[in-house]
Amino acid sequence: MEKLEGKPVTNVIKSVQCFLRRCLFLVLSFGPIPKHIAFIMDGNRRYAKRRNMKEGSGHSVGYAALITMLQYCYEMGVKYVTVYAFSIDNFKRKPEEVQSLMNLMMVKIDELLDKKSIVHEFGLKINFWGNLDLLTEPVRLAAEKAMASTINNSGPVLSICVAYTSTNEIIRAINKTCARNKERIPQACINCDGDLLADSINSSISIVDLEENLDTANCPDPDIVIRTSGEARLSNFLLWQTTLSHLQNPSPLWPEFSLRNLIWSILEYQKVYSYLEAGRRRAKKDN
């Protein structure tokens, strides 16, 4: 009987919390709301260590924090959220830790496709950015399945950077651009041995060509980049795309990052919005 009575009470509390959140977001909307927020989810391991939790459990708590933060962002009207989930440099960690992260990643990707997940609630489109060939085959296949399953969704966009560094992204974009430019060379510029004639080679790569081949093509640059745990560095994350982003480094570890912290980040962004927009207009004019 107590369980039956407890469930309606819990639902009422959740409904009230949701209503208050929407009221708060409505007030925030009188100022500029960012289109794109990028998160460097730093501090999962430190969170677990401080609480004497089992090794690796901090990442599970971090995933729960991610789902909560996604809900806040999408309720607020943010259209794009990008998260730095796994760097190429993370492969240098202990093999058992890397394997544990791969296993967790595969499970959580499958959970995202569940009918009751946030993906179906908001109609999310999922991107996975990075050198996916570096992932274990089960994780890569799970990522490809998630992208294929949500490709036609028209809701907000969640981009997950795995096996990713910005330098690797730029190198891959350059290689793609060069390969595409080579395909455009007329047959008359190729000798009988299949080699390019020296005079036909154009080694220049335009910014437009390069950006079309970045992982982030067709996605606006982040308005805000938030790195939790107080660290003031990007760790090779979206270096090309964040020239005019508002960089923030709040002190809470990622599992501790709360609605209050998110709202404070939005308010800080609104304070410098005019300055950022002026910079964007100048950059657009220069280009």
C-alpha atoms as a PDB file:
ATOM      1  CA  MET A   1       0.000   0.000   0.000  1.00  0.00           C
ATOM      2  CA  GLU A   2       2.825   2.369   0.861  1.00  0.00           C
ATOM      3  CA  LYS A   3       4.453   1.622  -2.492  1.00  0.00           C
ATOM      4  CA  LEU A   4       1.207   2.358  -4.317  1.00  0.00           C
ATOM      5  CA  GLU A   5       0.834   5.648  -2.474  1.00  0.00           C
ATOM      6  CA  GLY A   6       4.491   6.572  -2.977  1.00  0.00           C
ATOM      7  CA  LYS A   7       4.441   6.350  -6.759  1.00  0.00           C
ATOM      8  CA  PRO A   8       1.733   9.029  -7.331  1.00  0.00           C
ATOM      9  CA  VAL A   9       3.523  11.312  -4.859  1.00  0.00           C
ATOM     10  CA  THR A  10       6.788  10.870  -6.761  1.00  0.00           C
ATOM     11  CA  ASN A  11       5.040  11.648 -10.049  1.00  0.00           C
ATOM     12  CA  VAL A  12       3.537  14.798  -8.570  1.00  0.00           C
ATOM     13  CA  ILE A  13       6.946  15.959  -7.348  1.00  0.00           C
ATOM     14  CA  LYS A  14       8.461  15.334 -10.780  1.00  0.00           C
ATOM     15  CA  SER A  15       5.633  17.255 -12.449  1.00  0.00           C
ATOM     16  CA  VAL A  16       6.137  20.208 -10.127  1.00  0.00           C
ATOM     17  CA  GLN A  17       9.888  20.157 -10.729  1.00  0.00           C
ATOM     18  CA  CYS A  18       9.329  20.060 -14.496  1.00  0.00           C
ATOM     19  CA  PHE A  19       6.895  22.994 -14.289  1.00  0.00           C
ATOM     20  CA  LEU A  20       9.328  25.085 -12.228  1.00  0.00           C
ATOM     21  CA  ARG A  21      12.135  24.241 -14.658  1.00  0.00           C
ATOM     22  CA  ARG A  22      10.060  25.405 -17.611  1.00  0.00           C
ATOM     23  CA  CYS A  23       9.242  28.645 -15.816  1.00  0.00           C
ATOM     24  CA  LEU A  24      12.933  29.184 -15.160  1.00  0.00           C
ATOM     25  CA  PHE A  25      13.834  28.474 -18.790  1.00  0.00           C
ATOM     26  CA  LEU A  26      11.114  30.874 -19.918  1.00  0.00           C
ATOM     27  CA  VAL A  27      12.747  33.644 -17.898  1.00  0.00           C
ATOM     28  CA  LEU A  28      16.159  32.739 -19.363  1.00  0.00           C
ATOM     29  CA  SER A  29      14.709  32.914 -22.887  1.00  0.00           C
ATOM     30  CA  PHE A  30      14.317  36.675 -22.563  1.00  0.00           C
ATOM     31  CA  GLY A  31      18.055  36.684 -23.222  1.00  0.00           C
ATOM     32  CA  PRO A  32      19.916  34.861 -26.022  1.00  0.00           C
ATOM     33  CA  ILE A  33      19.828  31.079 -25.704  1.00  0.00           C
ATOM     34  CA  PRO A  34      22.830  29.271 -27.219  1.00  0.00           C
ATOM     35  CA  LYS A  35      22.164  27.081 -30.236  1.00  0.00           C
ATOM     36  CA  HIS A  36      25.092  24.804 -29.503  1.00  0.00           C
ATOM     37  CA  ILE A  37      26.732  23.798 -26.213  1.00  0.00           C
ATOM     38  CA  ALA A  38      29.799  21.546 -26.125  1.00  0.00           C
ATOM     39  CA  PHE A  39      30.802  19.695 -22.957  1.00  0.00           C
ATOM     40  CA  ILE A  40      34.182  18.276 -21.992  1.00  0.00           C
ATOM     41  CA  MET A  41      32.954  15.790 -19.397  1.00  0.00           C
ATOM     42  CA  ASP A  42      35.936  15.876 -17.072  1.00  0.00           C
ATOM     43  CA  GLY A  43      36.148  14.402 -13.574  1.00  0.00           C
ATOM     44  CA  ASN A  44      34.419  11.002 -13.678  1.00  0.00           C
ATOM     45  CA  ARG A  45      37.435   9.106 -12.325  1.00  0.00           C
ATOM     46  CA  ARG A  46      38.134  11.697  -9.619  1.00  0.00           C
ATOM     47  CA  TYR A  47      34.481  11.574  -8.588  1.00  0.00           C
ATOM     48  CA  ALA A  48      34.676   7.810  -8.072  1.00  0.00           C
ATOM     49  CA  LYS A  49      38.034   8.004  -6.306  1.00  0.00           C
ATOM     50  CA  ARG A  50      36.848  10.635  -3.807  1.00  0.00           C
ATOM     51  CA  ARG A  51      33.892   8.458  -2.897  1.00  0.00           C
ATOM     52  CA  ASN A  52      35.845   5.183  -2.757  1.00  0.00           C
ATOM     53  CA  MET A  53      33.698   3.781  -5.536  1.00  0.00           C
ATOM     54  CA  LYS A  54      34.639   0.813  -7.687  1.00  0.00           C
ATOM     55  CA  GLU A  55      37.032   1.687 -10.508  1.00  0.00           C
ATOM     56  CA  GLY A  56      35.072   2.577 -13.628  1.00  0.00           C
ATOM     57  CA  SER A  57      31.823   3.296 -11.786  1.00  0.00           C
ATOM     58  CA  GLY A  58      32.421   7.022 -12.108  1.00  0.00           C
ATOM     59  CA  HIS A  59      31.779   6.738 -15.834  1.00  0.00           C
ATOM     60  CA  SER A  60      28.375   5.142 -15.219  1.00  0.00           C
ATOM     61  CA  VAL A  61      27.458   8.031 -12.922  1.00  0.00           C
ATOM     62  CA  GLY A  62      28.789  10.385 -15.581  1.00  0.00           C
ATOM     63  CA  TYR A  63      26.456   8.854 -18.175  1.00  0.00           C
ATOM     64  CA  ALA A  64      23.465   9.449 -15.897  1.00  0.00           C
ATOM     65  CA  ALA A  65      24.606  13.065 -15.484  1.00  0.00           C
ATOM     66  CA  LEU A  66      24.811  13.377 -19.278  1.00  0.00           C
ATOM     67  CA  ILE A  67      21.221  12.216 -19.795  1.00  0.00           C
ATOM     68  CA  THR A  68      19.994  14.692 -17.173  1.00  0.00           C
ATOM     69  CA  MET A  69      21.995  17.534 -18.740  1.00  0.00           C
ATOM     70  CA  LEU A  70      20.693  16.686 -22.211  1.00  0.00           C
ATOM     71  CA  GLN A  71      17.137  16.932 -20.950  1.00  0.00           C
ATOM     72  CA  TYR A  72      17.805  20.354 -19.423  1.00  0.00           C
ATOM     73  CA  CYS A  73      19.464  21.624 -22.600  1.00  0.00           C
ATOM     74  CA  TYR A  74      16.724  20.438 -24.933  1.00  0.00           C
ATOM     75  CA  GLU A  75      13.941  21.701 -22.662  1.00  0.00           C
ATOM     76  CA  MET A  76      15.718  25.066 -22.676  1.00  0.00           C
ATOM     77  CA  GLY A  77      15.733  25.179 -26.479  1.00  0.00           C
ATOM     78  CA  VAL A  78      19.374  24.295 -27.198  1.00  0.00           C
ATOM     79  CA  LYS A  79      19.407  22.617 -30.626  1.00  0.00           C
ATOM     80  CA  TYR A  80      22.884  21.092 -30.629  1.00  0.00           C
ATOM     81  CA  VAL A  81      24.812  19.407 -27.821  1.00  0.00           C
ATOM     82  CA  THR A  82      28.275  17.945 -28.367  1.00  0.00           C
ATOM     83  CA  VAL A  83      30.135  15.887 -25.772  1.00  0.00           C
ATOM     84  CA  TYR A  84      33.775  14.795 -25.601  1.00  0.00           C
ATOM     85  CA  ALA A  85      33.359  11.182 -24.529  1.00  0.00           C
ATOM     86  CA  PHE A  86      36.641   9.474 -25.423  1.00  0.00           C
ATOM     87  CA  SER A  87      39.873  10.947 -26.764  1.00  0.00           C
ATOM     88  CA  ILE A  88      42.337   9.062 -28.947  1.00  0.00           C
ATOM     89  CA  ASP A  89      44.818   9.758 -26.151  1.00  0.00           C
ATOM     90  CA  ASN A  90      42.593   7.763 -23.776  1.00  0.00           C
ATOM     91  CA  PHE A  91      43.718   4.592 -25.558  1.00  0.00           C
ATOM     92  CA  LYS A  92      47.016   5.052 -23.664  1.00  0.00           C
ATOM     93  CA  ARG A  93      45.279   4.169 -20.389  1.00  0.00           C
ATOM     94  CA  LYS A  94      45.489   0.694 -18.882  1.00  0.00           C
ATOM     95  CA  PRO A  95      44.087  -1.923 -21.322  1.00  0.00           C
ATOM     96  CA  GLU A  96      41.536  -3.177 -18.794  1.00  0.00           C
ATOM     97  CA  GLU A  97      40.238   0.363 -18.242  1.00  0.00           C
ATOM     98  CA  VAL A  98      39.953   0.991 -21.985  1.00  0.00           C
ATOM     99  CA  GLN A  99      38.083  -2.298 -22.452  1.00  0.00           C
ATOM    100  CA  SER A 100      35.768  -1.437 -19.571  1.00  0.00           C
ATOM    101  CA  LEU A 101      34.988   1.912 -21.195  1.00  0.00           C
ATOM    102  CA  MET A 102      34.339   0.241 -24.554  1.00  0.00           C
ATOM    103  CA  ASN A 103      31.929  -2.221 -22.906  1.00  0.00           C
ATOM    104  CA  LEU A 104      30.136   0.590 -21.088  1.00  0.00           C
ATOM    105  CA  MET A 105      29.947   2.636 -24.272  1.00  0.00           C
ATOM    106  CA  MET A 106      28.337  -0.205 -26.196  1.00  0.00           C
ATOM    107  CA  VAL A 107      25.727  -0.773 -23.475  1.00  0.00           C
ATOM    108  CA  LYS A 108      24.873   2.935 -23.218  1.00  0.00           C
ATOM    109  CA  ILE A 109      24.613   3.383 -26.988  1.00  0.00           C
ATOM    110  CA  ASP A 110      22.095   0.537 -27.090  1.00  0.00           C
ATOM    111  CA  GLU A 111      20.190   2.166 -24.205  1.00  0.00           C
ATOM    112  CA  LEU A 112      19.893   5.367 -26.220  1.00  0.00           C
ATOM    113  CA  LEU A 113      17.878   3.484 -28.832  1.00  0.00           C
ATOM    114  CA  ASP A 114      15.416   2.154 -26.265  1.00  0.00           C
ATOM    115  CA  LYS A 115      11.838   3.338 -26.871  1.00  0.00           C
ATOM    116  CA  LYS A 116      11.744   5.056 -23.473  1.00  0.00           C
ATOM    117  CA  SER A 117      15.053   6.875 -23.940  1.00  0.00           C
ATOM    118  CA  ILE A 118      15.686  10.591 -24.342  1.00  0.00           C
ATOM    119  CA  VAL A 119      16.329   9.969 -28.051  1.00  0.00           C
ATOM    120  CA  HIS A 120      12.680   9.047 -28.625  1.00  0.00           C
ATOM    121  CA  GLU A 121      11.377  11.650 -26.188  1.00  0.00           C
ATOM    122  CA  PHE A 122      12.932  14.527 -28.143  1.00  0.00           C
ATOM    123  CA  GLY A 123      13.416  12.901 -31.569  1.00  0.00           C
ATOM    124  CA  LEU A 124      17.198  13.285 -31.368  1.00  0.00           C
ATOM    125  CA  LYS A 125      19.563  12.826 -34.262  1.00  0.00           C
ATOM    126  CA  ILE A 126      22.813  11.186 -33.102  1.00  0.00           C
ATOM    127  CA  ASN A 127      26.250  11.796 -34.603  1.00  0.00           C
ATOM    128  CA  PHE A 128      29.456  10.029 -33.666  1.00  0.00           C
ATOM    129  CA  TRP A 129      32.529  12.087 -34.517  1.00  0.00           C
ATOM    130  CA  GLY A 130      36.057  10.754 -34.568  1.00  0.00           C
ATOM    131  CA  ASN A 131      38.158   8.000 -36.096  1.00  0.00           C
ATOM    132  CA  LEU A 132      35.602   5.241 -35.528  1.00  0.00           C
ATOM    133  CA  ASP A 133      37.919   2.628 -37.051  1.00  0.00           C
ATOM    134  CA  LEU A 134      39.945   2.809 -33.822  1.00  0.00           C
ATOM    135  CA  LEU A 135      36.987   1.548 -31.782  1.00  0.00           C
ATOM    136  CA  THR A 136      36.356  -2.108 -31.048  1.00  0.00           C
ATOM    137  CA  GLU A 137      34.078  -3.616 -33.674  1.00  0.00           C
ATOM    138  CA  PRO A 138      31.028  -4.017 -31.368  1.00  0.00           C
ATOM    139  CA  VAL A 139      31.221  -0.350 -30.321  1.00  0.00           C
ATOM    140  CA  ARG A 140      31.734   0.841 -33.894  1.00  0.00           C
ATOM    141  CA  LEU A 141      28.762  -1.196 -35.110  1.00  0.00           C
ATOM    142  CA  ALA A 142      26.621   0.116 -32.235  1.00  0.00           C
ATOM    143  CA  ALA A 143      27.596   3.696 -33.132  1.00  0.00           C
ATOM    144  CA  GLU A 144      26.814   3.150 -36.809  1.00  0.00           C
ATOM    145  CA  LYS A 145      23.457   1.609 -35.894  1.00  0.00           C
ATOM    146  CA  ALA A 146      22.572   4.598 -33.688  1.00  0.00           C
ATOM    147  CA  MET A 147      23.419   7.048 -36.471  1.00  0.00           C
ATOM    148  CA  ALA A 148      21.478   5.075 -39.076  1.00  0.00           C
ATOM    149  CA  SER A 149      18.455   4.710 -36.770  1.00  0.00           C
ATOM    150  CA  THR A 150      18.224   8.461 -36.073  1.00  0.00           C
ATOM    151  CA  ILE A 151      19.376   9.942 -39.383  1.00  0.00           C
ATOM    152  CA  ASN A 152      15.854  11.034 -40.338  1.00  0.00           C
ATOM    153  CA  ASN A 153      14.956  12.473 -36.923  1.00  0.00           C
ATOM    154  CA  SER A 154      14.145  16.176 -37.029  1.00  0.00           C
ATOM    155  CA  GLY A 155      14.684  17.029 -33.364  1.00  0.00           C
ATOM    156  CA  PRO A 156      17.795  18.334 -31.586  1.00  0.00           C
ATOM    157  CA  VAL A 157      21.219  16.934 -32.438  1.00  0.00           C
ATOM    158  CA  LEU A 158      23.501  15.033 -30.073  1.00  0.00           C
ATOM    159  CA  SER A 159      27.076  14.652 -31.301  1.00  0.00           C
ATOM    160  CA  ILE A 160      29.370  12.302 -29.392  1.00  0.00           C
ATOM    161  CA  CYS A 161      33.126  12.589 -29.926  1.00  0.00           C
ATOM    162  CA  VAL A 162      34.782   9.175 -29.523  1.00  0.00           C
ATOM    163  CA  ALA A 163      38.262   8.136 -30.625  1.00  0.00           C
ATOM    164  CA  TYR A 164      38.573  11.827 -31.345  1.00  0.00           C
ATOM    165  CA  THR A 165      41.115  14.614 -31.270  1.00  0.00           C
ATOM    166  CA  SER A 166      40.848  17.858 -33.178  1.00  0.00           C
ATOM    167  CA  THR A 167      44.209  17.375 -34.890  1.00  0.00           C
ATOM    168  CA  ASN A 168      43.125  13.947 -36.116  1.00  0.00           C
ATOM    169  CA  GLU A 169      39.857  15.431 -37.386  1.00  0.00           C
ATOM    170  CA  ILE A 170      41.732  18.115 -39.327  1.00  0.00           C
ATOM    171  CA  ILE A 171      44.182  15.584 -40.805  1.00  0.00           C
ATOM    172  CA  ARG A 172      41.294  13.367 -41.921  1.00  0.00           C
ATOM    173  CA  ALA A 173      39.551  16.402 -43.437  1.00  0.00           C
ATOM    174  CA  ILE A 174      42.710  17.352 -45.371  1.00  0.00           C
ATOM    175  CA  ASN A 175      43.070  13.807 -46.695  1.00  0.00           C
ATOM    176  CA  LYS A 176      39.413  13.732 -47.776  1.00  0.00           C
ATOM    177  CA  THR A 177      39.766  17.114 -49.473  1.00  0.00           C
ATOM    178  CA  CYS A 178      42.897  16.037 -51.347  1.00  0.00           C
ATOM    179  CA  ALA A 179      41.246  12.780 -52.436  1.00  0.00           C
ATOM    180  CA  ARG A 180      38.171  14.659 -53.664  1.00  0.00           C
ATOM    181  CA  ASN A 181      40.293  17.225 -55.519  1.00  0.00           C
ATOM    182  CA  LYS A 182      42.219  14.399 -57.174  1.00  0.00           C
ATOM    183  CA  GLU A 183      38.971  12.848 -58.407  1.00  0.00           C
ATOM    184  CA  ARG A 184      38.065  16.155 -60.071  1.00  0.00           C
ATOM    185  CA  ILE A 185      41.274  16.293 -62.127  1.00  0.00           C
ATOM    186  CA  PRO A 186      40.516  15.741 -65.853  1.00  0.00           C
ATOM    187  CA  GLN A 187      41.718  12.505 -67.422  1.00  0.00           C
ATOM    188  CA  ALA A 188      43.907  14.532 -69.802  1.00  0.00           C
ATOM    189  CA  CYS A 189      46.075  15.543 -66.835  1.00  0.00           C
ATOM    190  CA  ILE A 190      47.041  11.932 -66.092  1.00  0.00           C
ATOM    191  CA  ASN A 191      49.829  10.201 -68.028  1.00  0.00           C
ATOM    192  CA  CYS A 192      49.806   6.666 -69.342  1.00  0.00           C
ATOM    193  CA  ASP A 193      51.243   5.342 -66.083  1.00  0.00           C
ATOM    194  CA  GLY A 194      48.339   6.785 -64.085  1.00  0.00           C
ATOM    195  CA  ASP A 195      50.427   9.539 -62.497  1.00  0.00           C
ATOM    196  CA  LEU A 196      49.402  13.177 -62.306  1.00  0.00           C
ATOM    197  CA  LEU A 197      51.206  15.649 -64.564  1.00  0.00           C
ATOM    198  CA  ALA A 198      53.074  18.182 -62.433  1.00  0.00           C
ATOM    199  CA  ASP A 199      51.386  21.197 -64.034  1.00  0.00           C
ATOM    200  CA  SER A 200      47.925  19.858 -63.159  1.00  0.00           C
ATOM    201  CA  ILE A 201      48.505  19.571 -59.427  1.00  0.00           C
ATOM    202  CA  ASN A 202      46.945  22.282 -57.302  1.00  0.00           C
ATOM    203  CA  SER A 203      48.205  21.913 -53.756  1.00  0.00           C
ATOM    204  CA  SER A 204      45.998  24.634 -52.281  1.00  0.00           C
ATOM    205  CA  ILE A 205      43.075  23.734 -50.030  1.00  0.00           C
ATOM    206  CA  SER A 206      40.400  26.323 -49.346  1.00  0.00           C
ATOM    207  CA  ILE A 207      38.837  26.832 -45.920  1.00  0.00           C
ATOM    208  CA  VAL A 208      35.430  26.041 -47.429  1.00  0.00           C
ATOM    209  CA  ASP A 209      36.683  22.730 -48.845  1.00  0.00           C
ATOM    210  CA  LEU A 210      38.300  21.785 -45.549  1.00  0.00           C
ATOM    211  CA  GLU A 211      35.247  22.625 -43.437  1.00  0.00           C
ATOM    212  CA  GLU A 212      33.022  20.567 -45.718  1.00  0.00           C
ATOM    213  CA  ASN A 213      35.096  17.511 -44.778  1.00  0.00           C
ATOM    214  CA  LEU A 214      35.333  18.080 -41.038  1.00  0.00           C
ATOM    215  CA  ASP A 215      33.261  15.860 -38.760  1.00  0.00           C
ATOM    216  CA  THR A 216      31.316  18.987 -37.799  1.00  0.00           C
ATOM    217  CA  ALA A 217      30.184  19.868 -41.323  1.00  0.00           C
ATOM    218  CA  ASN A 218      26.600  21.217 -41.365  1.00  0.00           C
ATOM    219  CA  CYS A 219      26.735  21.871 -37.611  1.00  0.00           C
ATOM    220  CA  PRO A 220      27.121  25.403 -36.206  1.00  0.00           C
ATOM    221  CA  ASP A 221      30.190  26.149 -34.121  1.00  0.00           C
ATOM    222  CA  PRO A 222      29.654  25.882 -30.343  1.00  0.00           C
ATOM    223  CA  ASP A 223      28.425  29.016 -28.608  1.00  0.00           C
ATOM    224  CA  ILE A 224      29.685  27.707 -25.276  1.00  0.00           C
ATOM    225  CA  VAL A 225      32.358  25.147 -24.409  1.00  0.00           C
ATOM    226  CA  ILE A 226      32.067  23.913 -20.820  1.00  0.00           C
ATOM    227  CA  ARG A 227      34.871  21.907 -19.269  1.00  0.00           C
ATOM    228  CA  THR A 228      33.965  20.672 -15.825  1.00  0.00           C
ATOM    229  CA  SER A 229      36.343  20.095 -12.886  1.00  0.00           C
ATOM    230  CA  GLY A 230      37.912  23.550 -13.170  1.00  0.00           C
ATOM    231  CA  GLU A 231      40.471  22.588 -15.814  1.00  0.00           C
ATOM    232  CA  ALA A 232      41.197  25.497 -18.185  1.00  0.00           C
ATOM    233  CA  ARG A 233      42.257  23.608 -21.314  1.00  0.00           C
ATOM    234  CA  LEU A 234      40.550  22.162 -24.383  1.00  0.00           C
ATOM    235  CA  SER A 235      42.575  18.920 -24.586  1.00  0.00           C
ATOM    236  CA  ASN A 236      42.515  18.872 -28.389  1.00  0.00           C
ATOM    237  CA  PHE A 237      38.726  19.263 -28.601  1.00  0.00           C
ATOM    238  CA  LEU A 238      37.096  21.174 -31.497  1.00  0.00           C
ATOM    239  CA  LEU A 239      40.088  23.495 -31.865  1.00  0.00           C
ATOM    240  CA  TRP A 240      39.015  24.603 -35.353  1.00  0.00           C
ATOM    241  CA  GLN A 241      35.426  25.323 -34.309  1.00  0.00           C
ATOM    242  CA  THR A 242      35.874  27.163 -30.995  1.00  0.00           C
ATOM    243  CA  THR A 243      37.712  30.349 -31.996  1.00  0.00           C
ATOM    244  CA  LEU A 244      34.668  32.455 -31.140  1.00  0.00           C
ATOM    245  CA  SER A 245      33.119  30.220 -28.464  1.00  0.00           C
ATOM    246  CA  HIS A 246      32.682  31.254 -24.840  1.00  0.00           C
ATOM    247  CA  LEU A 247      35.009  28.984 -22.866  1.00  0.00           C
ATOM    248  CA  GLN A 248      33.986  28.120 -19.319  1.00  0.00           C
ATOM    249  CA  ASN A 249      35.629  25.936 -16.663  1.00  0.00           C
ATOM    250  CA  PRO A 250      33.259  25.488 -13.698  1.00  0.00           C
ATOM    251  CA  SER A 251      34.755  23.700 -10.695  1.00  0.00           C
ATOM    252  CA  PRO A 252      32.238  20.819 -10.179  1.00  0.00           C
ATOM    253  CA  LEU A 253      33.291  17.430 -11.507  1.00  0.00           C
ATOM    254  CA  TRP A 254      31.136  16.208 -14.373  1.00  0.00           C
ATOM    255  CA  PRO A 255      28.833  13.953 -12.263  1.00  0.00           C
ATOM    256  CA  GLU A 256      28.291  16.945  -9.932  1.00  0.00           C
ATOM    257  CA  PHE A 257      27.433  19.425 -12.706  1.00  0.00           C
ATOM    258  CA  SER A 258      23.854  20.470 -11.958  1.00  0.00           C
ATOM    259  CA  LEU A 259      20.988  22.561 -13.281  1.00  0.00           C
ATOM    260  CA  ARG A 260      22.239  25.462 -11.168  1.00  0.00           C
ATOM    261  CA  ASN A 261      25.652  25.243 -12.838  1.00  0.00           C
ATOM    262  CA  LEU A 262      24.079  25.081 -16.299  1.00  0.00           C
ATOM    263  CA  ILE A 263      21.909  28.140 -15.660  1.00  0.00           C
ATOM    264  CA  TRP A 264      24.933  30.049 -14.381  1.00  0.00           C
ATOM    265  CA  SER A 265      26.780  29.115 -17.590  1.00  0.00           C
ATOM    266  CA  ILE A 266      23.915  30.459 -19.699  1.00  0.00           C
ATOM    267  CA  LEU A 267      23.851  33.708 -17.711  1.00  0.00           C
ATOM    268  CA  GLU A 268      27.616  34.103 -18.155  1.00  0.00           C
ATOM    269  CA  TYR A 269      27.158  33.559 -21.896  1.00  0.00           C
ATOM    270  CA  GLN A 270      24.376  36.136 -22.072  1.00  0.00           C
ATOM    271  CA  LYS A 271      26.639  38.695 -20.387  1.00  0.00           C
ATOM    272  CA  VAL A 272      29.241  38.432 -23.177  1.00  0.00           C
ATOM    273  CA  TYR A 273      26.853  37.674 -26.046  1.00  0.00           C
ATOM    274  CA  SER A 274      27.199  41.105 -27.674  1.00  0.00           C
ATOM    275  CA  TYR A 275      30.995  40.838 -27.629  1.00  0.00           C
ATOM    276  CA  LEU A 276      30.901  37.337 -29.147  1.00  0.00           C
ATOM    277  CA  GLU A 277      28.457  38.386 -31.857  1.00  0.00           C
ATOM    278  CA  ALA A 278      30.625  41.384 -32.770  1.00  0.00           C
ATOM    279  CA  GLY A 279      33.569  39.003 -33.164  1.00  0.00           C
ATOM    280  CA  ARG A 280      31.541  36.690 -35.373  1.00  0.00           C
ATOM    281  CA  ARG A 281      30.442  39.566 -37.603  1.00  0.00           C
ATOM    282  CA  ARG A 282      34.050  40.716 -38.004  1.00  0.00           C
ATOM    283  CA  ALA A 283      35.192  37.176 -38.829  1.00  0.00           C
ATOM    284  CA  LYS A 284      32.416  36.761 -41.383  1.00  0.00           C
ATOM    285  CA  LYS A 285      33.307  40.085 -42.988  1.00  0.00           C
ATOM    286  CA  ASP A 286      37.012  39.149 -43.177  1.00  0.00           C
ATOM    287  CA  ASN A 287      36.163  35.851 -44.872  1.00  0.00           C
END
